[in-house]
Amino acid sequence: MSAAVTLDAIKARCAVDGECWIWTGAKNHGKPCIAVCIDGKRVNLPAQKQAMEAAGKASPWGGPIKARCDNDQCCNPAHLIQTRHASALRFAGNPYAQLLQGGRA
């Protein structure tokens, strides 16, 4: 369930500082969020995840998103990467999490 958010809509809510797109819109727990309507209801979605999806870079496993520029408000998809943590995989009940990280089960 993803709303169609364009990169232009995200960039319009950012202040461009060099290559970084610094989010100036709403925040949820300090993280950039964008409000969209889905089935007539207003929903706040993570702006960085929406930027990655609009750029075609989102991973199907949907790990946490970090900015390579170390600015947690940056929404430039060229700066965003999805990470994964073995602890998050173990928490989800994945018995192979240590193998994915190069450890032993």
C-alpha atoms as a PDB file:
ATOM      1  CA  MET A   1       0.000   0.000   0.000  1.00  0.00           C
ATOM      2  CA  SER A   2       2.070   2.836  -1.276  1.00  0.00           C
ATOM      3  CA  ALA A   3       0.760   6.164  -2.456  1.00  0.00           C
ATOM      4  CA  ALA A   4       2.178   7.712  -5.606  1.00  0.00           C
ATOM      5  CA  VAL A   5       4.547  10.381  -4.317  1.00  0.00           C
ATOM      6  CA  THR A   6       6.842  11.971  -6.894  1.00  0.00           C
ATOM      7  CA  LEU A   7      10.395  13.137  -6.394  1.00  0.00           C
ATOM      8  CA  ASP A   8       9.248  16.639  -7.386  1.00  0.00           C
ATOM      9  CA  ALA A   9       6.705  16.630  -4.533  1.00  0.00           C
ATOM     10  CA  ILE A  10       9.394  15.572  -2.068  1.00  0.00           C
ATOM     11  CA  LYS A  11      11.979  18.041  -3.364  1.00  0.00           C
ATOM     12  CA  ALA A  12       9.384  20.847  -3.138  1.00  0.00           C
ATOM     13  CA  ARG A  13       9.293  20.313   0.646  1.00  0.00           C
ATOM     14  CA  CYS A  14      13.087  20.416   0.948  1.00  0.00           C
ATOM     15  CA  ALA A  15      15.713  23.129   1.118  1.00  0.00           C
ATOM     16  CA  VAL A  16      18.458  22.217  -1.349  1.00  0.00           C
ATOM     17  CA  ASP A  17      21.883  22.556   0.269  1.00  0.00           C
ATOM     18  CA  GLY A  18      24.538  21.465  -2.227  1.00  0.00           C
ATOM     19  CA  GLU A  19      23.555  17.907  -3.130  1.00  0.00           C
ATOM     20  CA  CYS A  20      21.456  17.375   0.014  1.00  0.00           C
ATOM     21  CA  TRP A  21      17.687  17.827   0.077  1.00  0.00           C
ATOM     22  CA  ILE A  22      17.073  18.943   3.664  1.00  0.00           C
ATOM     23  CA  TRP A  23      13.501  18.172   4.725  1.00  0.00           C
ATOM     24  CA  THR A  24      11.540  21.222   5.881  1.00  0.00           C
ATOM     25  CA  GLY A  25       8.129  19.567   6.049  1.00  0.00           C
ATOM     26  CA  ALA A  26       6.405  17.666   8.837  1.00  0.00           C
ATOM     27  CA  LYS A  27       8.270  15.214  11.042  1.00  0.00           C
ATOM     28  CA  ASN A  28       7.182  12.159  12.980  1.00  0.00           C
ATOM     29  CA  HIS A  29       9.495  11.342  15.924  1.00  0.00           C
ATOM     30  CA  GLY A  30      12.137  13.555  14.295  1.00  0.00           C
ATOM     31  CA  LYS A  31      12.015  11.711  10.962  1.00  0.00           C
ATOM     32  CA  PRO A  32      10.783  13.329   7.715  1.00  0.00           C
ATOM     33  CA  CYS A  33       7.208  12.333   6.874  1.00  0.00           C
ATOM     34  CA  ILE A  34       4.847  13.228   4.077  1.00  0.00           C
ATOM     35  CA  ALA A  35       1.049  13.205   4.364  1.00  0.00           C
ATOM     36  CA  VAL A  36      -0.914  11.496   1.596  1.00  0.00           C
ATOM     37  CA  CYS A  37      -4.496  10.354   1.113  1.00  0.00           C
ATOM     38  CA  ILE A  38      -5.070   6.615   0.789  1.00  0.00           C
ATOM     39  CA  ASP A  39      -8.656   5.467   0.354  1.00  0.00           C
ATOM     40  CA  GLY A  40      -9.869   8.861   1.572  1.00  0.00           C
ATOM     41  CA  LYS A  41      -7.814   8.743   4.779  1.00  0.00           C
ATOM     42  CA  ARG A  42      -4.808  10.893   5.608  1.00  0.00           C
ATOM     43  CA  VAL A  43      -1.703   8.833   6.281  1.00  0.00           C
ATOM     44  CA  ASN A  44       1.808   9.977   7.227  1.00  0.00           C
ATOM     45  CA  LEU A  45       4.470   8.059   5.302  1.00  0.00           C
ATOM     46  CA  PRO A  46       8.267   8.194   5.742  1.00  0.00           C
ATOM     47  CA  ALA A  47       9.502  10.759   3.207  1.00  0.00           C
ATOM     48  CA  GLN A  48      12.886   9.073   2.754  1.00  0.00           C
ATOM     49  CA  LYS A  49      11.273   5.731   1.935  1.00  0.00           C
ATOM     50  CA  GLN A  50       8.911   7.444  -0.508  1.00  0.00           C
ATOM     51  CA  ALA A  51      11.901   9.149  -2.165  1.00  0.00           C
ATOM     52  CA  MET A  52      13.626   5.793  -2.596  1.00  0.00           C
ATOM     53  CA  GLU A  53      10.483   4.199  -4.026  1.00  0.00           C
ATOM     54  CA  ALA A  54       9.967   7.093  -6.448  1.00  0.00           C
ATOM     55  CA  ALA A  55      13.577   6.717  -7.619  1.00  0.00           C
ATOM     56  CA  GLY A  56      13.169   2.936  -7.992  1.00  0.00           C
ATOM     57  CA  LYS A  57      15.772   2.166  -5.295  1.00  0.00           C
ATOM     58  CA  ALA A  58      13.615   0.661  -2.542  1.00  0.00           C
ATOM     59  CA  SER A  59      14.495  -2.873  -1.523  1.00  0.00           C
ATOM     60  CA  PRO A  60      11.707  -5.456  -1.175  1.00  0.00           C
ATOM     61  CA  TRP A  61      12.861  -6.454   2.329  1.00  0.00           C
ATOM     62  CA  GLY A  62      12.450  -2.847   3.493  1.00  0.00           C
ATOM     63  CA  GLY A  63      15.248  -2.336   5.990  1.00  0.00           C
ATOM     64  CA  PRO A  64      15.932   0.905   7.871  1.00  0.00           C
ATOM     65  CA  ILE A  65      16.977   3.865   5.722  1.00  0.00           C
ATOM     66  CA  LYS A  66      20.164   5.843   6.365  1.00  0.00           C
ATOM     67  CA  ALA A  67      21.650   8.826   4.551  1.00  0.00           C
ATOM     68  CA  ARG A  68      25.224   8.427   3.328  1.00  0.00           C
ATOM     69  CA  CYS A  69      25.762  12.147   3.937  1.00  0.00           C
ATOM     70  CA  ASP A  70      25.079  11.601   7.681  1.00  0.00           C
ATOM     71  CA  ASN A  71      22.209  14.106   7.632  1.00  0.00           C
ATOM     72  CA  ASP A  72      19.124  12.312   8.962  1.00  0.00           C
ATOM     73  CA  GLN A  73      16.888  14.966   7.327  1.00  0.00           C
ATOM     74  CA  CYS A  74      18.291  14.451   3.797  1.00  0.00           C
ATOM     75  CA  CYS A  75      15.767  13.077   1.274  1.00  0.00           C
ATOM     76  CA  ASN A  76      17.968  12.971  -1.839  1.00  0.00           C
ATOM     77  CA  PRO A  77      17.565   9.380  -3.120  1.00  0.00           C
ATOM     78  CA  ALA A  78      21.200   9.427  -4.295  1.00  0.00           C
ATOM     79  CA  HIS A  79      22.236   9.757  -0.634  1.00  0.00           C
ATOM     80  CA  LEU A  80      19.844   7.146   0.791  1.00  0.00           C
ATOM     81  CA  ILE A  81      20.563   3.468   1.382  1.00  0.00           C
ATOM     82  CA  GLN A  82      18.614   0.708   3.075  1.00  0.00           C
ATOM     83  CA  THR A  83      20.481  -1.176   5.762  1.00  0.00           C
ATOM     84  CA  ARG A  84      19.819  -4.411   7.539  1.00  0.00           C
ATOM     85  CA  HIS A  85      20.745  -5.607  10.983  1.00  0.00           C
ATOM     86  CA  ALA A  86      21.092  -9.196  12.128  1.00  0.00           C
ATOM     87  CA  SER A  87      19.265  -8.325  15.350  1.00  0.00           C
ATOM     88  CA  ALA A  88      16.277  -7.062  13.371  1.00  0.00           C
ATOM     89  CA  LEU A  89      16.227 -10.257  11.323  1.00  0.00           C
ATOM     90  CA  ARG A  90      16.457 -12.411  14.454  1.00  0.00           C
ATOM     91  CA  PHE A  91      13.678 -10.439  16.081  1.00  0.00           C
ATOM     92  CA  ALA A  92      11.466 -11.181  13.091  1.00  0.00           C
ATOM     93  CA  GLY A  93      12.030 -14.900  13.722  1.00  0.00           C
ATOM     94  CA  ASN A  94      14.584 -15.513  10.978  1.00  0.00           C
ATOM     95  CA  PRO A  95      16.732 -18.495  12.083  1.00  0.00           C
ATOM     96  CA  TYR A  96      19.266 -17.759   9.303  1.00  0.00           C
ATOM     97  CA  ALA A  97      20.050 -14.184  10.355  1.00  0.00           C
ATOM     98  CA  GLN A  98      23.581 -14.997  11.538  1.00  0.00           C
ATOM     99  CA  LEU A  99      24.353 -16.789   8.274  1.00  0.00           C
ATOM    100  CA  LEU A 100      23.237 -13.722   6.329  1.00  0.00           C
ATOM    101  CA  GLN A 101      25.700 -11.643   8.329  1.00  0.00           C
ATOM    102  CA  GLY A 102      28.575 -14.147   7.879  1.00  0.00           C
ATOM    103  CA  GLY A 103      28.303 -15.806  11.316  1.00  0.00           C
ATOM    104  CA  ARG A 104      27.407 -19.310  12.371  1.00  0.00           C
ATOM    105  CA  ALA A 105      23.943 -20.494  13.286  1.00  0.00           C
END
